[in-house]
Amino acid sequence: MAEAHTEVAHKEAGLPQLNIATFEEQVVWLFLTFIVLFVIVSRLVLPRVTKVLEEREERIANDLDTAERLRKDAEDIRNAYEEASAKARKQAQETILKAKEKIQSDIAKAQAELEETLAAKAAEAEARIAKARDEALASVGDVAGEVASDLVAKLAGIEGDDAAVSGAVKAALADVKGA
């Protein structure tokens, strides 16, 4: 009996899936299991996966729309900034130009006033110098007349005519002034 049991066990040994005697039953169970799994997947799992995919697609579309809107907003802001910057730059250049022109005008005015003042001071100084020269020459004439009279008197021993000596000194001074 032990031998009979071992023979049956030996014949049944191996993989049951490969047992040709039970192959038809296995195919039936395979189809039934496949149909049940198909129904479960199509009724329960597939709608959930589809819903998740649709939500993800909708979220991505919304994110893309938001990104496009934000890009346009950023571009509008950048354009407004560039316009404001250009306007400010233009105003600054105009202000600088006006300030430069005003400074040049003020410098020209101050330079003209300085030249006028210097010319007036130079004319005044020339007048004082001419007056001092005339006074010096006038006193030189008297002193020269006295010195000439004294020299003639000492050298020649002659008393000279003051009028003649004075006339000769004036003529000599006139020659000096003319030269």
Protein backbone atom coordinates (compact mmCIF):
# COMPACT_ATOMS: atom_id res chain seq x y z
CA MET A 1 0.00 0.00 0.00
CA ALA A 2 2.85 2.21 0.68
CA GLU A 3 3.99 1.55 -2.81
CA ALA A 4 0.59 2.42 -4.29
CA HIS A 5 0.46 5.65 -2.40
CA THR A 6 3.95 6.62 -3.62
CA GLU A 7 3.02 5.81 -7.20
CA VAL A 8 -0.07 8.06 -7.04
CA ALA A 9 1.96 10.74 -5.35
CA HIS A 10 4.64 10.31 -7.95
CA LYS A 11 2.15 10.62 -10.81
CA GLU A 12 0.55 13.72 -9.29
CA ALA A 13 3.88 15.32 -8.58
CA GLY A 14 4.89 18.40 -10.66
CA LEU A 15 3.18 21.71 -11.41
CA PRO A 16 -0.63 21.47 -11.32
CA GLN A 17 -0.91 24.19 -13.98
CA LEU A 18 0.81 21.94 -16.47
CA ASN A 19 -1.40 18.98 -15.72
CA ILE A 20 -3.27 18.40 -18.99
CA ALA A 21 -6.13 16.59 -17.26
CA THR A 22 -7.16 19.80 -15.44
CA PHE A 23 -6.35 22.16 -18.31
CA GLU A 24 -9.98 22.77 -19.36
CA GLU A 25 -11.01 23.66 -15.82
CA GLN A 26 -8.07 26.03 -15.54
CA VAL A 27 -9.03 27.82 -18.77
CA VAL A 28 -12.62 28.25 -17.51
CA TRP A 29 -11.37 29.65 -14.20
CA LEU A 30 -8.95 31.89 -16.11
CA PHE A 31 -11.78 33.38 -18.17
CA LEU A 32 -14.02 33.79 -15.12
CA THR A 33 -11.21 35.48 -13.17
CA PHE A 34 -10.39 37.69 -16.14
CA ILE A 35 -14.04 38.73 -16.53
CA VAL A 36 -14.38 39.48 -12.80
CA LEU A 37 -11.12 41.48 -12.79
CA PHE A 38 -12.17 43.28 -15.98
CA VAL A 39 -15.50 44.26 -14.42
CA ILE A 40 -13.80 45.40 -11.19
CA VAL A 41 -11.17 47.39 -13.08
CA SER A 42 -13.65 48.92 -15.56
CA ARG A 43 -16.27 49.80 -12.89
CA LEU A 44 -14.11 50.81 -9.94
CA VAL A 45 -10.47 51.44 -10.82
CA LEU A 46 -10.74 52.90 -14.32
CA PRO A 47 -13.21 55.68 -13.37
CA ARG A 48 -10.96 56.72 -10.47
CA VAL A 49 -7.86 56.75 -12.67
CA THR A 50 -9.75 58.64 -15.38
CA LYS A 51 -10.99 61.16 -12.82
CA VAL A 52 -7.46 61.68 -11.45
CA LEU A 53 -6.08 62.12 -14.98
CA GLU A 54 -8.84 64.59 -15.89
CA GLU A 55 -8.24 66.57 -12.68
CA ARG A 56 -4.51 66.61 -13.36
CA GLU A 57 -5.11 67.71 -16.96
CA GLU A 58 -7.50 70.44 -15.79
CA ARG A 59 -5.01 71.61 -13.15
CA ILE A 60 -2.21 71.69 -15.74
CA ALA A 61 -4.44 73.65 -18.15
CA ASN A 62 -5.31 76.11 -15.35
CA ASP A 63 -1.64 76.42 -14.42
CA LEU A 64 -0.75 77.10 -18.05
CA ASP A 65 -3.52 79.72 -18.30
CA THR A 66 -2.34 81.33 -15.07
CA ALA A 67 1.27 81.27 -16.27
CA GLU A 68 0.28 82.88 -19.57
CA ARG A 69 -1.76 85.55 -17.77
CA LEU A 70 1.11 86.25 -15.37
CA ARG A 71 3.56 86.42 -18.28
CA LYS A 72 1.35 88.99 -20.01
CA ASP A 73 1.02 90.95 -16.76
CA ALA A 74 4.79 90.88 -16.28
CA GLU A 75 5.31 92.01 -19.86
CA ASP A 76 2.82 94.87 -19.38
CA ILE A 77 4.57 95.88 -16.16
CA ARG A 78 7.97 95.73 -17.87
CA ASN A 79 6.67 97.88 -20.76
CA ALA A 80 5.22 100.41 -18.31
CA TYR A 81 8.51 100.44 -16.40
CA GLU A 82 10.50 100.99 -19.60
CA GLU A 83 8.17 103.83 -20.65
CA ALA A 84 8.43 105.47 -17.23
CA SER A 85 12.19 104.99 -17.23
CA ALA A 86 12.52 106.52 -20.70
CA LYS A 87 10.29 109.44 -19.70
CA ALA A 88 12.29 110.01 -16.51
CA ARG A 89 15.56 109.77 -18.45
CA LYS A 90 14.27 112.32 -20.99
CA GLN A 91 13.14 114.68 -18.24
CA ALA A 92 16.49 114.30 -16.49
CA GLN A 93 18.33 115.10 -19.72
CA GLU A 94 16.12 118.15 -20.29
CA THR A 95 16.71 119.30 -16.71
CA ILE A 96 20.46 118.79 -17.09
CA LEU A 97 20.44 120.68 -20.39
CA LYS A 98 18.47 123.57 -18.86
CA ALA A 99 20.78 123.65 -15.84
CA LYS A 100 23.82 123.56 -18.13
CA GLU A 101 22.44 126.42 -20.24
CA LYS A 102 21.62 128.44 -17.10
CA ILE A 103 25.09 127.80 -15.68
CA GLN A 104 26.70 128.82 -18.98
CA SER A 105 24.51 131.93 -19.05
CA ASP A 106 25.41 132.75 -15.45
CA ILE A 107 29.10 132.17 -16.19
CA ALA A 108 28.92 134.40 -19.28
CA LYS A 109 27.08 137.08 -17.29
CA ALA A 110 29.58 136.85 -14.41
CA GLN A 111 32.48 136.92 -16.87
CA ALA A 112 31.02 140.00 -18.60
CA GLU A 113 30.55 141.70 -15.22
CA LEU A 114 34.10 140.77 -14.23
CA GLU A 115 35.49 142.08 -17.53
CA GLU A 116 33.45 145.27 -17.10
CA THR A 117 34.68 145.66 -13.52
CA LEU A 118 38.27 144.95 -14.54
CA ALA A 119 38.00 147.39 -17.46
CA ALA A 120 36.58 150.06 -15.12
CA LYS A 121 39.32 149.41 -12.56
CA ALA A 122 41.96 149.44 -15.31
CA ALA A 123 40.60 152.75 -16.66
CA GLU A 124 40.51 154.15 -13.14
CA ALA A 125 44.07 152.95 -12.51
CA GLU A 126 45.23 154.43 -15.83
CA ALA A 127 43.56 157.72 -14.92
CA ARG A 128 45.29 157.73 -11.52
CA ILE A 129 48.60 156.84 -13.15
CA ALA A 130 48.15 159.61 -15.74
CA LYS A 131 47.20 162.06 -13.00
CA ALA A 132 50.20 161.00 -10.90
CA ARG A 133 52.46 161.26 -13.96
CA ASP A 134 51.09 164.70 -14.82
CA GLU A 135 51.55 165.82 -11.23
CA ALA A 136 55.04 164.33 -11.18
CA LEU A 137 55.89 165.94 -14.50
CA ALA A 138 54.45 169.25 -13.32
CA SER A 139 56.55 169.16 -10.19
CA VAL A 140 59.51 167.85 -12.20
CA GLY A 141 59.27 170.93 -14.40
CA ASP A 142 59.52 173.24 -11.41
CA VAL A 143 62.28 171.19 -9.81
CA ALA A 144 64.12 170.85 -13.16
CA GLY A 145 63.85 174.62 -13.67
CA GLU A 146 65.33 175.30 -10.24
CA VAL A 147 68.07 172.68 -10.72
CA ALA A 148 68.89 174.05 -14.20
CA SER A 149 69.08 177.63 -12.83
CA ASP A 150 71.31 176.49 -9.98
CA LEU A 151 73.58 174.51 -12.33
CA VAL A 152 73.92 177.40 -14.76
CA ALA A 153 74.64 179.72 -11.87
CA LYS A 154 77.27 177.45 -10.36
CA LEU A 155 78.89 176.28 -13.57
CA ALA A 156 78.75 179.42 -15.64
CA GLY A 157 78.45 181.85 -12.80
CA ILE A 158 75.57 183.55 -14.58
CA GLU A 159 72.22 184.24 -13.10
CA GLY A 160 69.76 182.98 -15.67
CA ASP A 161 66.41 184.36 -16.59
CA ASP A 162 63.82 182.24 -14.80
CA ALA A 163 61.37 182.59 -17.68
CA ALA A 164 63.94 181.42 -20.27
CA VAL A 165 65.04 178.51 -18.10
CA SER A 166 61.43 177.57 -17.44
CA GLY A 167 60.65 177.71 -21.20
CA ALA A 168 63.64 175.50 -22.05
CA VAL A 169 62.66 172.94 -19.36
CA LYS A 170 59.05 172.89 -20.61
CA ALA A 171 60.24 172.31 -24.18
CA ALA A 172 62.48 169.45 -23.04
CA LEU A 173 59.62 167.93 -21.00
CA ALA A 174 57.30 168.23 -24.00
CA ASP A 175 59.83 166.28 -26.04
CA VAL A 176 59.93 163.60 -23.27
CA LYS A 177 56.12 163.44 -23.10
CA GLY A 178 55.87 163.17 -26.88
CA ALA A 179 58.42 160.39 -27.02
